[in-house]
Amino acid sequence: AFDPVLVAATLAQPAELTPLAALRATVDVIREQVSGQDWED
């Protein structure tokens, strides 16, 4: 179920970021957007 969150967060990263930097920034977005229980599940 996390794929849509991942896709949206990655595509929303600033255009100047490299693809890998955008992925790393996406990890931070997921940390912020996903509740502790959802991430534990």
PDB file of all heavy atoms in Angstrom:
ATOM      1  N   ALA A   1       0.814  -1.219   0.000  1.00  0.00           N
ATOM      2  CA  ALA A   1       0.000   0.000   0.000  1.00  0.00           C
ATOM      3  C   ALA A   1       0.846   1.266   0.000  1.00  0.00           C
ATOM      4  O   ALA A   1       0.315   2.367  -0.173  1.00  0.00           O
ATOM      5  CB  ALA A   1      -0.925  -0.004   1.212  1.00  0.00           C
ATOM      6  N   PHE A   2       2.157   1.124   0.174  1.00  0.00           N
ATOM      7  CA  PHE A   2       3.013   2.310   0.249  1.00  0.00           C
ATOM      8  C   PHE A   2       3.463   2.807  -1.118  1.00  0.00           C
ATOM      9  O   PHE A   2       4.008   3.901  -1.225  1.00  0.00           O
ATOM     10  CB  PHE A   2       4.240   2.022   1.130  1.00  0.00           C
ATOM     11  CG  PHE A   2       3.932   2.075   2.588  1.00  0.00           C
ATOM     12  CD1 PHE A   2       3.352   0.999   3.224  1.00  0.00           C
ATOM     13  CD2 PHE A   2       4.191   3.219   3.327  1.00  0.00           C
ATOM     14  CE1 PHE A   2       3.034   1.047   4.570  1.00  0.00           C
ATOM     15  CE2 PHE A   2       3.882   3.285   4.671  1.00  0.00           C
ATOM     16  CZ  PHE A   2       3.297   2.194   5.289  1.00  0.00           C
ATOM     17  N   ASP A   3       3.252   2.030  -2.155  1.00  0.00           N
ATOM     18  CA  ASP A   3       3.693   2.448  -3.484  1.00  0.00           C
ATOM     19  C   ASP A   3       3.144   3.812  -3.899  1.00  0.00           C
ATOM     20  O   ASP A   3       3.892   4.661  -4.386  1.00  0.00           O
ATOM     21  CB  ASP A   3       3.339   1.396  -4.535  1.00  0.00           C
ATOM     22  CG  ASP A   3       4.346   0.266  -4.594  1.00  0.00           C
ATOM     23  OD1 ASP A   3       5.367   0.348  -3.886  1.00  0.00           O
ATOM     24  OD2 ASP A   3       4.116  -0.698  -5.340  1.00  0.00           O
ATOM     25  N   PRO A   4       1.830   4.074  -3.731  1.00  0.00           N
ATOM     26  CA  PRO A   4       1.334   5.399  -4.145  1.00  0.00           C
ATOM     27  C   PRO A   4       1.992   6.547  -3.383  1.00  0.00           C
ATOM     28  O   PRO A   4       2.256   7.605  -3.954  1.00  0.00           O
ATOM     29  CB  PRO A   4      -0.173   5.327  -3.841  1.00  0.00           C
ATOM     30  CG  PRO A   4      -0.491   3.870  -3.832  1.00  0.00           C
ATOM     31  CD  PRO A   4       0.735   3.198  -3.298  1.00  0.00           C
ATOM     32  N   VAL A   5       2.247   6.336  -2.082  1.00  0.00           N
ATOM     33  CA  VAL A   5       2.920   7.363  -1.275  1.00  0.00           C
ATOM     34  C   VAL A   5       4.331   7.589  -1.807  1.00  0.00           C
ATOM     35  O   VAL A   5       4.784   8.725  -1.965  1.00  0.00           O
ATOM     36  CB  VAL A   5       2.960   6.939   0.210  1.00  0.00           C
ATOM     37  CG1 VAL A   5       3.734   7.954   1.046  1.00  0.00           C
ATOM     38  CG2 VAL A   5       1.551   6.763   0.757  1.00  0.00           C
ATOM     39  N   LEU A   6       5.021   6.494  -2.096  1.00  0.00           N
ATOM     40  CA  LEU A   6       6.386   6.564  -2.613  1.00  0.00           C
ATOM     41  C   LEU A   6       6.433   7.300  -3.947  1.00  0.00           C
ATOM     42  O   LEU A   6       7.261   8.194  -4.151  1.00  0.00           O
ATOM     43  CB  LEU A   6       6.949   5.147  -2.774  1.00  0.00           C
ATOM     44  CG  LEU A   6       8.319   5.037  -3.427  1.00  0.00           C
ATOM     45  CD1 LEU A   6       9.392   5.482  -2.454  1.00  0.00           C
ATOM     46  CD2 LEU A   6       8.581   3.619  -3.902  1.00  0.00           C
ATOM     47  N   VAL A   7       5.545   6.936  -4.858  1.00  0.00           N
ATOM     48  CA  VAL A   7       5.528   7.560  -6.181  1.00  0.00           C
ATOM     49  C   VAL A   7       5.250   9.059  -6.066  1.00  0.00           C
ATOM     50  O   VAL A   7       5.979   9.881  -6.626  1.00  0.00           O
ATOM     51  CB  VAL A   7       4.480   6.884  -7.095  1.00  0.00           C
ATOM     52  CG1 VAL A   7       4.297   7.672  -8.389  1.00  0.00           C
ATOM     53  CG2 VAL A   7       4.878   5.447  -7.403  1.00  0.00           C
ATOM     54  N   ALA A   8       4.207   9.410  -5.324  1.00  0.00           N
ATOM     55  CA  ALA A   8       3.837  10.826  -5.199  1.00  0.00           C
ATOM     56  C   ALA A   8       4.961  11.632  -4.551  1.00  0.00           C
ATOM     57  O   ALA A   8       5.293  12.734  -5.004  1.00  0.00           O
ATOM     58  CB  ALA A   8       2.546  10.963  -4.392  1.00  0.00           C
ATOM     59  N   ALA A   9       5.551  11.085  -3.493  1.00  0.00           N
ATOM     60  CA  ALA A   9       6.609  11.812  -2.785  1.00  0.00           C
ATOM     61  C   ALA A   9       7.853  11.964  -3.648  1.00  0.00           C
ATOM     62  O   ALA A   9       8.504  13.012  -3.632  1.00  0.00           O
ATOM     63  CB  ALA A   9       6.955  11.098  -1.480  1.00  0.00           C
ATOM     64  N   THR A  10       8.185  10.952  -4.418  1.00  0.00           N
ATOM     65  CA  THR A  10       9.381  11.016  -5.269  1.00  0.00           C
ATOM     66  C   THR A  10       9.182  12.030  -6.398  1.00  0.00           C
ATOM     67  O   THR A  10      10.059  12.848  -6.680  1.00  0.00           O
ATOM     68  CB  THR A  10       9.710   9.634  -5.853  1.00  0.00           C
ATOM     69  OG1 THR A  10       9.907   8.708  -4.781  1.00  0.00           O
ATOM     70  CG2 THR A  10      10.971   9.676  -6.697  1.00  0.00           C
ATOM     71  N   LEU A  11       8.018  11.993  -7.023  1.00  0.00           N
ATOM     72  CA  LEU A  11       7.762  12.919  -8.133  1.00  0.00           C
ATOM     73  C   LEU A  11       7.637  14.359  -7.661  1.00  0.00           C
ATOM     74  O   LEU A  11       7.857  15.292  -8.439  1.00  0.00           O
ATOM     75  CB  LEU A  11       6.501  12.495  -8.894  1.00  0.00           C
ATOM     76  CG  LEU A  11       6.615  11.181  -9.670  1.00  0.00           C
ATOM     77  CD1 LEU A  11       5.285  10.829 -10.320  1.00  0.00           C
ATOM     78  CD2 LEU A  11       7.727  11.237 -10.712  1.00  0.00           C
ATOM     79  N   ALA A  12       7.313  14.554  -6.379  1.00  0.00           N
ATOM     80  CA  ALA A  12       7.166  15.912  -5.844  1.00  0.00           C
ATOM     81  C   ALA A  12       8.487  16.537  -5.406  1.00  0.00           C
ATOM     82  O   ALA A  12       8.531  17.726  -5.085  1.00  0.00           O
ATOM     83  CB  ALA A  12       6.198  15.889  -4.655  1.00  0.00           C
ATOM     84  N   GLN A  13       9.567  15.777  -5.425  1.00  0.00           N
ATOM     85  CA  GLN A  13      10.858  16.324  -4.997  1.00  0.00           C
ATOM     86  C   GLN A  13      11.349  17.367  -6.004  1.00  0.00           C
ATOM     87  O   GLN A  13      11.043  17.291  -7.191  1.00  0.00           O
ATOM     88  CB  GLN A  13      11.896  15.195  -4.858  1.00  0.00           C
ATOM     89  CG  GLN A  13      11.576  14.192  -3.776  1.00  0.00           C
ATOM     90  CD  GLN A  13      11.358  14.843  -2.426  1.00  0.00           C
ATOM     91  OE1 GLN A  13      12.107  15.728  -2.015  1.00  0.00           O
ATOM     92  NE2 GLN A  13      10.310  14.404  -1.742  1.00  0.00           N
ATOM     93  N   PRO A  14      12.118  18.353  -5.537  1.00  0.00           N
ATOM     94  CA  PRO A  14      12.607  19.415  -6.442  1.00  0.00           C
ATOM     95  C   PRO A  14      13.354  18.843  -7.650  1.00  0.00           C
ATOM     96  O   PRO A  14      14.105  17.867  -7.524  1.00  0.00           O
ATOM     97  CB  PRO A  14      13.557  20.218  -5.537  1.00  0.00           C
ATOM     98  CG  PRO A  14      13.078  19.957  -4.146  1.00  0.00           C
ATOM     99  CD  PRO A  14      12.561  18.548  -4.151  1.00  0.00           C
ATOM    100  N   ALA A  15      13.133  19.448  -8.793  1.00  0.00           N
ATOM    101  CA  ALA A  15      13.701  18.954 -10.045  1.00  0.00           C
ATOM    102  C   ALA A  15      15.228  18.938 -10.036  1.00  0.00           C
ATOM    103  O   ALA A  15      15.849  18.135 -10.728  1.00  0.00           O
ATOM    104  CB  ALA A  15      13.197  19.798 -11.214  1.00  0.00           C
ATOM    105  N   GLU A  16      15.847  19.825  -9.230  1.00  0.00           N
ATOM    106  CA  GLU A  16      17.314  19.882  -9.231  1.00  0.00           C
ATOM    107  C   GLU A  16      17.961  18.712  -8.497  1.00  0.00           C
ATOM    108  O   GLU A  16      19.167  18.493  -8.621  1.00  0.00           O
ATOM    109  CB  GLU A  16      17.806  21.207  -8.633  1.00  0.00           C
ATOM    110  CG  GLU A  16      17.456  21.430  -7.178  1.00  0.00           C
ATOM    111  CD  GLU A  16      16.119  22.153  -6.987  1.00  0.00           C
ATOM    112  OE1 GLU A  16      15.333  22.220  -7.964  1.00  0.00           O
ATOM    113  OE2 GLU A  16      15.881  22.640  -5.880  1.00  0.00           O
ATOM    114  N   LEU A  17      17.180  17.950  -7.732  1.00  0.00           N
ATOM    115  CA  LEU A  17      17.750  16.794  -7.042  1.00  0.00           C
ATOM    116  C   LEU A  17      18.038  15.672  -8.033  1.00  0.00           C
ATOM    117  O   LEU A  17      17.265  15.445  -8.972  1.00  0.00           O
ATOM    118  CB  LEU A  17      16.783  16.267  -5.976  1.00  0.00           C
ATOM    119  CG  LEU A  17      16.528  17.135  -4.755  1.00  0.00           C
ATOM    120  CD1 LEU A  17      15.583  16.429  -3.789  1.00  0.00           C
ATOM    121  CD2 LEU A  17      17.829  17.487  -4.050  1.00  0.00           C
ATOM    122  N   THR A  18      19.129  14.968  -7.808  1.00  0.00           N
ATOM    123  CA  THR A  18      19.398  13.781  -8.618  1.00  0.00           C
ATOM    124  C   THR A  18      18.339  12.736  -8.280  1.00  0.00           C
ATOM    125  O   THR A  18      17.705  12.805  -7.206  1.00  0.00           O
ATOM    126  CB  THR A  18      20.786  13.199  -8.307  1.00  0.00           C
ATOM    127  OG1 THR A  18      20.778  12.707  -6.948  1.00  0.00           O
ATOM    128  CG2 THR A  18      21.885  14.220  -8.501  1.00  0.00           C
ATOM    129  N   PRO A  19      18.134  11.744  -9.137  1.00  0.00           N
ATOM    130  CA  PRO A  19      17.151  10.704  -8.812  1.00  0.00           C
ATOM    131  C   PRO A  19      17.418  10.023  -7.465  1.00  0.00           C
ATOM    132  O   PRO A  19      16.481   9.762  -6.705  1.00  0.00           O
ATOM    133  CB  PRO A  19      17.287   9.724  -9.981  1.00  0.00           C
ATOM    134  CG  PRO A  19      17.679  10.585 -11.135  1.00  0.00           C
ATOM    135  CD  PRO A  19      18.618  11.599 -10.528  1.00  0.00           C
ATOM    136  N   LEU A  20      18.691   9.765  -7.137  1.00  0.00           N
ATOM    137  CA  LEU A  20      18.987   9.136  -5.849  1.00  0.00           C
ATOM    138  C   LEU A  20      18.715  10.080  -4.688  1.00  0.00           C
ATOM    139  O   LEU A  20      18.176   9.660  -3.646  1.00  0.00           O
ATOM    140  CB  LEU A  20      20.441   8.661  -5.802  1.00  0.00           C
ATOM    141  CG  LEU A  20      20.702   7.278  -6.385  1.00  0.00           C
ATOM    142  CD1 LEU A  20      22.191   6.961  -6.352  1.00  0.00           C
ATOM    143  CD2 LEU A  20      19.929   6.207  -5.645  1.00  0.00           C
ATOM    144  N   ALA A  21      19.048  11.338  -4.844  1.00  0.00           N
ATOM    145  CA  ALA A  21      18.768  12.315  -3.783  1.00  0.00           C
ATOM    146  C   ALA A  21      17.256  12.438  -3.576  1.00  0.00           C
ATOM    147  O   ALA A  21      16.788  12.581  -2.441  1.00  0.00           O
ATOM    148  CB  ALA A  21      19.381  13.663  -4.127  1.00  0.00           C
ATOM    149  N   ALA A  22      16.493  12.371  -4.658  1.00  0.00           N
ATOM    150  CA  ALA A  22      15.033  12.426  -4.548  1.00  0.00           C
ATOM    151  C   ALA A  22      14.506  11.215  -3.776  1.00  0.00           C
ATOM    152  O   ALA A  22      13.591  11.337  -2.956  1.00  0.00           O
ATOM    153  CB  ALA A  22      14.403  12.490  -5.939  1.00  0.00           C
ATOM    154  N   LEU A  23      15.096  10.047  -4.019  1.00  0.00           N
ATOM    155  CA  LEU A  23      14.685   8.849  -3.278  1.00  0.00           C
ATOM    156  C   LEU A  23      14.989   8.992  -1.796  1.00  0.00           C
ATOM    157  O   LEU A  23      14.178   8.624  -0.940  1.00  0.00           O
ATOM    158  CB  LEU A  23      15.390   7.604  -3.825  1.00  0.00           C
ATOM    159  CG  LEU A  23      14.763   6.910  -5.016  1.00  0.00           C
ATOM    160  CD1 LEU A  23      15.562   5.674  -5.374  1.00  0.00           C
ATOM    161  CD2 LEU A  23      13.319   6.537  -4.751  1.00  0.00           C
ATOM    162  N   ARG A  24      16.155   9.510  -1.471  1.00  0.00           N
ATOM    163  CA  ARG A  24      16.513   9.696  -0.062  1.00  0.00           C
ATOM    164  C   ARG A  24      15.573  10.699   0.606  1.00  0.00           C
ATOM    165  O   ARG A  24      15.155  10.508   1.749  1.00  0.00           O
ATOM    166  CB  ARG A  24      17.964  10.142   0.071  1.00  0.00           C
ATOM    167  CG  ARG A  24      18.949   9.049  -0.333  1.00  0.00           C
ATOM    168  CD  ARG A  24      20.359   9.391   0.048  1.00  0.00           C
ATOM    169  NE  ARG A  24      20.512   9.323   1.501  1.00  0.00           N
ATOM    170  CZ  ARG A  24      21.572   9.798   2.141  1.00  0.00           C
ATOM    171  NH1 ARG A  24      22.549  10.376   1.480  1.00  0.00           N
ATOM    172  NH2 ARG A  24      21.662   9.698   3.448  1.00  0.00           N
ATOM    173  N   ALA A  25      15.228  11.748  -0.100  1.00  0.00           N
ATOM    174  CA  ALA A  25      14.289  12.734   0.452  1.00  0.00           C
ATOM    175  C   ALA A  25      12.911  12.107   0.647  1.00  0.00           C
ATOM    176  O   ALA A  25      12.185  12.450   1.583  1.00  0.00           O
ATOM    177  CB  ALA A  25      14.208  13.949  -0.467  1.00  0.00           C
ATOM    178  N   THR A  26      12.568  11.175  -0.230  1.00  0.00           N
ATOM    179  CA  THR A  26      11.283  10.485  -0.127  1.00  0.00           C
ATOM    180  C   THR A  26      11.185   9.681   1.165  1.00  0.00           C
ATOM    181  O   THR A  26      10.121   9.600   1.776  1.00  0.00           O
ATOM    182  CB  THR A  26      11.078   9.574  -1.357  1.00  0.00           C
ATOM    183  OG1 THR A  26      11.018  10.406  -2.524  1.00  0.00           O
ATOM    184  CG2 THR A  26       9.804   8.766  -1.248  1.00  0.00           C
ATOM    185  N   VAL A  27      12.289   9.093   1.591  1.00  0.00           N
ATOM    186  CA  VAL A  27      12.298   8.345   2.851  1.00  0.00           C
ATOM    187  C   VAL A  27      11.883   9.268   4.002  1.00  0.00           C
ATOM    188  O   VAL A  27      11.098   8.885   4.877  1.00  0.00           O
ATOM    189  CB  VAL A  27      13.678   7.712   3.121  1.00  0.00           C
ATOM    190  CG1 VAL A  27      13.743   7.104   4.514  1.00  0.00           C
ATOM    191  CG2 VAL A  27      13.983   6.640   2.076  1.00  0.00           C
ATOM    192  N   ASP A  28      12.374  10.502   3.974  1.00  0.00           N
ATOM    193  CA  ASP A  28      11.999  11.475   5.013  1.00  0.00           C
ATOM    194  C   ASP A  28      10.517  11.811   4.950  1.00  0.00           C
ATOM    195  O   ASP A  28       9.856  11.954   5.980  1.00  0.00           O
ATOM    196  CB  ASP A  28      12.831  12.753   4.873  1.00  0.00           C
ATOM    197  CG  ASP A  28      14.310  12.523   5.174  1.00  0.00           C
ATOM    198  OD1 ASP A  28      14.623  11.589   5.950  1.00  0.00           O
ATOM    199  OD2 ASP A  28      15.139  13.263   4.625  1.00  0.00           O
ATOM    200  N   VAL A  29       9.980  11.937   3.738  1.00  0.00           N
ATOM    201  CA  VAL A  29       8.554  12.231   3.571  1.00  0.00           C
ATOM    202  C   VAL A  29       7.718  11.098   4.150  1.00  0.00           C
ATOM    203  O   VAL A  29       6.721  11.322   4.846  1.00  0.00           O
ATOM    204  CB  VAL A  29       8.206  12.459   2.087  1.00  0.00           C
ATOM    205  CG1 VAL A  29       6.702  12.543   1.880  1.00  0.00           C
ATOM    206  CG2 VAL A  29       8.880  13.726   1.571  1.00  0.00           C
ATOM    207  N   ILE A  30       8.129   9.863   3.868  1.00  0.00           N
ATOM    208  CA  ILE A  30       7.386   8.707   4.386  1.00  0.00           C
ATOM    209  C   ILE A  30       7.412   8.711   5.914  1.00  0.00           C
ATOM    210  O   ILE A  30       6.399   8.437   6.564  1.00  0.00           O
ATOM    211  CB  ILE A  30       7.949   7.395   3.805  1.00  0.00           C
ATOM    212  CG1 ILE A  30       7.615   7.318   2.307  1.00  0.00           C
ATOM    213  CG2 ILE A  30       7.399   6.187   4.542  1.00  0.00           C
ATOM    214  CD1 ILE A  30       8.256   6.168   1.580  1.00  0.00           C
ATOM    215  N   ARG A  31       8.560   9.022   6.482  1.00  0.00           N
ATOM    216  CA  ARG A  31       8.653   9.102   7.956  1.00  0.00           C
ATOM    217  C   ARG A  31       7.638  10.094   8.515  1.00  0.00           C
ATOM    218  O   ARG A  31       7.041   9.874   9.561  1.00  0.00           O
ATOM    219  CB  ARG A  31      10.057   9.550   8.370  1.00  0.00           C
ATOM    220  CG  ARG A  31      11.082   8.470   8.417  1.00  0.00           C
ATOM    221  CD  ARG A  31      12.350   9.020   9.065  1.00  0.00           C
ATOM    222  NE  ARG A  31      13.482   8.165   8.852  1.00  0.00           N
ATOM    223  CZ  ARG A  31      13.749   7.079   9.568  1.00  0.00           C
ATOM    224  NH1 ARG A  31      12.930   6.733  10.539  1.00  0.00           N
ATOM    225  NH2 ARG A  31      14.813   6.354   9.315  1.00  0.00           N
ATOM    226  N   GLU A  32       7.452  11.216   7.815  1.00  0.00           N
ATOM    227  CA  GLU A  32       6.556  12.267   8.285  1.00  0.00           C
ATOM    228  C   GLU A  32       5.086  11.931   8.045  1.00  0.00           C
ATOM    229  O   GLU A  32       4.227  12.244   8.867  1.00  0.00           O
ATOM    230  CB  GLU A  32       6.883  13.590   7.585  1.00  0.00           C
ATOM    231  CG  GLU A  32       8.244  14.154   7.944  1.00  0.00           C
ATOM    232  CD  GLU A  32       8.660  15.295   7.035  1.00  0.00           C
ATOM    233  OE1 GLU A  32       7.823  15.724   6.201  1.00  0.00           O
ATOM    234  OE2 GLU A  32       9.808  15.761   7.141  1.00  0.00           O
ATOM    235  N   GLN A  33       4.779  11.291   6.916  1.00  0.00           N
ATOM    236  CA  GLN A  33       3.385  11.088   6.518  1.00  0.00           C
ATOM    237  C   GLN A  33       2.754   9.818   7.071  1.00  0.00           C
ATOM    238  O   GLN A  33       1.535   9.740   7.182  1.00  0.00           O
ATOM    239  CB  GLN A  33       3.269  11.065   4.986  1.00  0.00           C
ATOM    240  CG  GLN A  33       3.487  12.409   4.345  1.00  0.00           C
ATOM    241  CD  GLN A  33       3.210  12.378   2.850  1.00  0.00           C
ATOM    242  OE1 GLN A  33       2.925  11.331   2.270  1.00  0.00           O
ATOM    243  NE2 GLN A  33       3.302  13.535   2.217  1.00  0.00           N
ATOM    244  N   VAL A  34       3.563   8.814   7.379  1.00  0.00           N
ATOM    245  CA  VAL A  34       3.021   7.524   7.792  1.00  0.00           C
ATOM    246  C   VAL A  34       3.066   7.418   9.312  1.00  0.00           C
ATOM    247  O   VAL A  34       4.103   7.667   9.925  1.00  0.00           O
ATOM    248  CB  VAL A  34       3.820   6.373   7.133  1.00  0.00           C
ATOM    249  CG1 VAL A  34       3.296   5.025   7.586  1.00  0.00           C
ATOM    250  CG2 VAL A  34       3.732   6.485   5.613  1.00  0.00           C
ATOM    251  N   SER A  35       1.930   7.054   9.903  1.00  0.00           N
ATOM    252  CA  SER A  35       1.868   6.953  11.367  1.00  0.00           C
ATOM    253  C   SER A  35       2.773   5.829  11.860  1.00  0.00           C
ATOM    254  O   SER A  35       3.101   4.900  11.120  1.00  0.00           O
ATOM    255  CB  SER A  35       0.435   6.684  11.821  1.00  0.00           C
ATOM    256  OG  SER A  35       0.077   5.337  11.541  1.00  0.00           O
ATOM    257  N   GLY A  36       3.127   5.918  13.135  1.00  0.00           N
ATOM    258  CA  GLY A  36       3.987   4.897  13.731  1.00  0.00           C
ATOM    259  C   GLY A  36       3.396   3.511  13.623  1.00  0.00           C
ATOM    260  O   GLY A  36       4.096   2.545  13.304  1.00  0.00           O
ATOM    261  N   GLN A  37       2.072   3.377  13.867  1.00  0.00           N
ATOM    262  CA  GLN A  37       1.437   2.066  13.801  1.00  0.00           C
ATOM    263  C   GLN A  37       1.403   1.545  12.368  1.00  0.00           C
ATOM    264  O   GLN A  37       1.648   0.362  12.118  1.00  0.00           O
ATOM    265  CB  GLN A  37       0.016   2.112  14.370  1.00  0.00           C
ATOM    266  CG  GLN A  37      -0.658   0.739  14.446  1.00  0.00           C
ATOM    267  CD  GLN A  37       0.157  -0.276  15.231  1.00  0.00           C
ATOM    268  OE1 GLN A  37       0.510  -0.052  16.379  1.00  0.00           O
ATOM    269  NE2 GLN A  37       0.468  -1.406  14.604  1.00  0.00           N
ATOM    270  N   ASP A  38       1.093   2.434  11.414  1.00  0.00           N
ATOM    271  CA  ASP A  38       1.062   2.006  10.011  1.00  0.00           C
ATOM    272  C   ASP A  38       2.444   1.525   9.567  1.00  0.00           C
ATOM    273  O   ASP A  38       2.567   0.540   8.843  1.00  0.00           O
ATOM    274  CB  ASP A  38       0.599   3.145   9.104  1.00  0.00           C
ATOM    275  CG  ASP A  38      -0.891   3.390   9.207  1.00  0.00           C
ATOM    276  OD1 ASP A  38      -1.605   2.531   9.762  1.00  0.00           O
ATOM    277  OD2 ASP A  38      -1.349   4.453   8.731  1.00  0.00           O
ATOM    278  N   TRP A  39       3.484   2.258   9.997  1.00  0.00           N
ATOM    279  CA  TRP A  39       4.822   1.825   9.601  1.00  0.00           C
ATOM    280  C   TRP A  39       5.204   0.526  10.287  1.00  0.00           C
ATOM    281  O   TRP A  39       5.840  -0.334   9.680  1.00  0.00           O
ATOM    282  CB  TRP A  39       5.870   2.901   9.864  1.00  0.00           C
ATOM    283  CG  TRP A  39       7.198   2.406   9.402  1.00  0.00           C
ATOM    284  CD1 TRP A  39       8.268   2.064  10.156  1.00  0.00           C
ATOM    285  CD2 TRP A  39       7.556   2.090   8.048  1.00  0.00           C
ATOM    286  NE1 TRP A  39       9.278   1.580   9.357  1.00  0.00           N
ATOM    287  CE2 TRP A  39       8.867   1.583   8.067  1.00  0.00           C
ATOM    288  CE3 TRP A  39       6.877   2.204   6.825  1.00  0.00           C
ATOM    289  CZ2 TRP A  39       9.524   1.176   6.901  1.00  0.00           C
ATOM    290  CZ3 TRP A  39       7.544   1.798   5.673  1.00  0.00           C
ATOM    291  CH2 TRP A  39       8.845   1.295   5.719  1.00  0.00           C
ATOM    292  N   GLU A  40       4.792   0.328  11.537  1.00  0.00           N
ATOM    293  CA  GLU A  40       5.077  -0.934  12.222  1.00  0.00           C
ATOM    294  C   GLU A  40       4.371  -2.088  11.517  1.00  0.00           C
ATOM    295  O   GLU A  40       4.948  -3.167  11.341  1.00  0.00           O
ATOM    296  CB  GLU A  40       4.628  -0.865  13.688  1.00  0.00           C
ATOM    297  CG  GLU A  40       4.811  -2.160  14.465  1.00  0.00           C
ATOM    298  CD  GLU A  40       6.250  -2.691  14.482  1.00  0.00           C
ATOM    299  OE1 GLU A  40       7.197  -1.915  14.284  1.00  0.00           O
ATOM    300  OE2 GLU A  40       6.419  -3.921  14.683  1.00  0.00           O
ATOM    301  N   ASP A  41       3.138  -1.869  11.076  1.00  0.00           N
ATOM    302  CA  ASP A  41       2.420  -2.900  10.308  1.00  0.00           C
ATOM    303  C   ASP A  41       3.174  -3.227   9.020  1.00  0.00           C
ATOM    304  O   ASP A  41       3.297  -4.385   8.627  1.00  0.00           O
ATOM    305  CB  ASP A  41       0.996  -2.432   9.973  1.00  0.00           C
ATOM    306  CG  ASP A  41       0.098  -2.357  11.199  1.00  0.00           C
ATOM    307  OD1 ASP A  41       0.459  -2.930  12.252  1.00  0.00           O
ATOM    308  OD2 ASP A  41      -0.972  -1.718  11.099  1.00  0.00           O
TER     309      ASP A  41
END
